[in-house]
Amino acid sequence: MMDMDRIACYRAISSRDARFDGRLFVGVKTTGIYCRPICPARTPKFENVSFFASAAAAQESGFRPCLRCRPEISPELAFWRGTSNTVSRALALIEAGGLDDDDVEGLANRLGVGARQLRRLFHRHVGASPVTVAQTRRVLLAKQLIHETSLPMAEVALAAGFNSVRRFNETFRELFARSPVTLRRGREKGKREAGTLSVRLAYRPPYDWDAMLSFLAHRAIPGVELVSQDSYKRSIAFGEKSGVVTVVPADKNRVDVTVRFPDMAALPQIIARVRRVFDLAADPDAIGAHLSLDPILAPLVAARPGLRVPGAWDGFELAVRAIFGQQITVLAATKLLGRLVQQYGAPLPAAMREGEGLSHLFPSPARIAGAEIATLGMPAARAMAVSSLAQAISADPAIFGRRASLEEAIAKLRSLPGIGGWTAQYIAMRELREPDAFPAADIGLLRAMAVDGRRPSPAQLLSRAERWRPWRAYAALHLWAAGTQPTAGSGKIQRREHEREAA
């Protein structure tokens, strides 16, 4: 149960305050059901409710999801970030399937803590055990697929991460006292073409979609990514299979995700990556309130209250982009990446192309490891760095996995060929989703924080950015997006152009 003001929570559910959606869940003792604070059902009596920090916490306490407000489509907020980085990293690993083929002991080892300590941290910050969190994710994804798609139940079970249809059916009977198929009866079924599935993912408003799509559009790799109007499309691969994912902003603070992929067992991984790329788990209110305490950042946050940190689909792809972009413009690096894709990327199956401008998959590390990529028109030293990086990742695919701390992650990245301090911080921001990563040596950030034409040193900027913790990555995005400079002795901002953009 949440350690918070019960009266304040009850006021939130009584007024159906949307600001609390995703922040708390309410369990009703008389019905055994847990709901979102915006549930249209009659407000239960004060003495009959319990409040929880997460859906997993409510489910671990014996409550089952409401069929009216559908907790599975509530915003999944990263409210624990800044409170426990270990829990944040563990949750990211669980979302990526960290407990599908491993146990809590193995998960804890990857995070550099003991299993007992990890369980204690989860109960403190999430209100449920790691295993319950993983199980709740599977149940809620399955429930969403039942409601929103016409997938056969066996495929729903597979797509949600259940190991067997029998276990899937047993879980739903335990939770809902009914079979999964009865939850679909009388409900509208989404249209589905062969190999295609659409789901909606929620986020916490506000969201600066113009900034996000502009960022992705300027860096879209020809043949692999395409941004047109309000949609983002890219080719994807898991194992030997490939497909296409499309993301489009929808109404009610959600995004439509259309997946064309031959194996729906990859759906949880695809959803996890979409959340990562579009930073759907961010809590802009909490981040903005903290950064606004700084007079330099306050007007920037006010101008772009929904600015997110764009994530990366794949760590190797991002690292190659960062190395290619060293000492050249974003446009030049993107063109160079396009040539790399055409030369070494596997062609996308013809059935997946449909004239969308997507033609290839990004080359795998194994494909690039022995390639003579200097022939693409780049310095030999940089080409050697990319080839060496590809060899290192081929030998250890877990290089871009989450680490016990930001410092450990940066140290591991900097040990890779061609990866310096700036590149390591940039990868930590976009691939590892470290909210406190901060490339202090970036020329754009140094110019943005210049006073009377004098730029701070990277060390001085790091010291200045201490007050922005644990959201320094978001501070960096605001400074990059604004292209601004503070005037001397005030918090006022003057517009100036950056010498070069971030990679």
Foldseek 3Di string as FASTA:
>chain_A
DDPDDLVVLLVLLQVLPLLCFQQKWKAFQVVLAIAGSNFPDDRDDSVRIDMFRHPLLSVVVRGFYDLGRQSLQTFNAPVCPVVDVLLVQLVLCLLLPVPLPHHLQVSQVQQVHGSVVQQVVCCRRGVHGSVSVSVVQLLSQLLQCLQEAPDDQQQSCLLSRHPGSVVVQVVCCSRPVDGSNVSNPPHDHHDDDQQKDKGKHAAADDADQVLLLVVCCLQPAQQAWDRDDFKIKGKDDDPPWIAMWMWGDDPPRIIMIMTRTNRSSCNSNVVSLVCQQRVRNYDLVVLLVLQLVDLQCVVLCVVPSNDDQGADNDLLVLLLLQLLPPPHASNVSSVLQNVQCVVQFAFDPPVRPPVPSHTGHRHALVSLLPDCSVVSPDDNLSSPLSNQQSVVCVVPVCLLRDYNDLVVNLVSQCVGRSADNQNSLSSCVHYVVQQQRANLQDQLVQQQADEPPHGDHSVVVVVVCPSSPPRNSVVVVSSLVQCWHAYPPGNDIDHDHGPHHRD
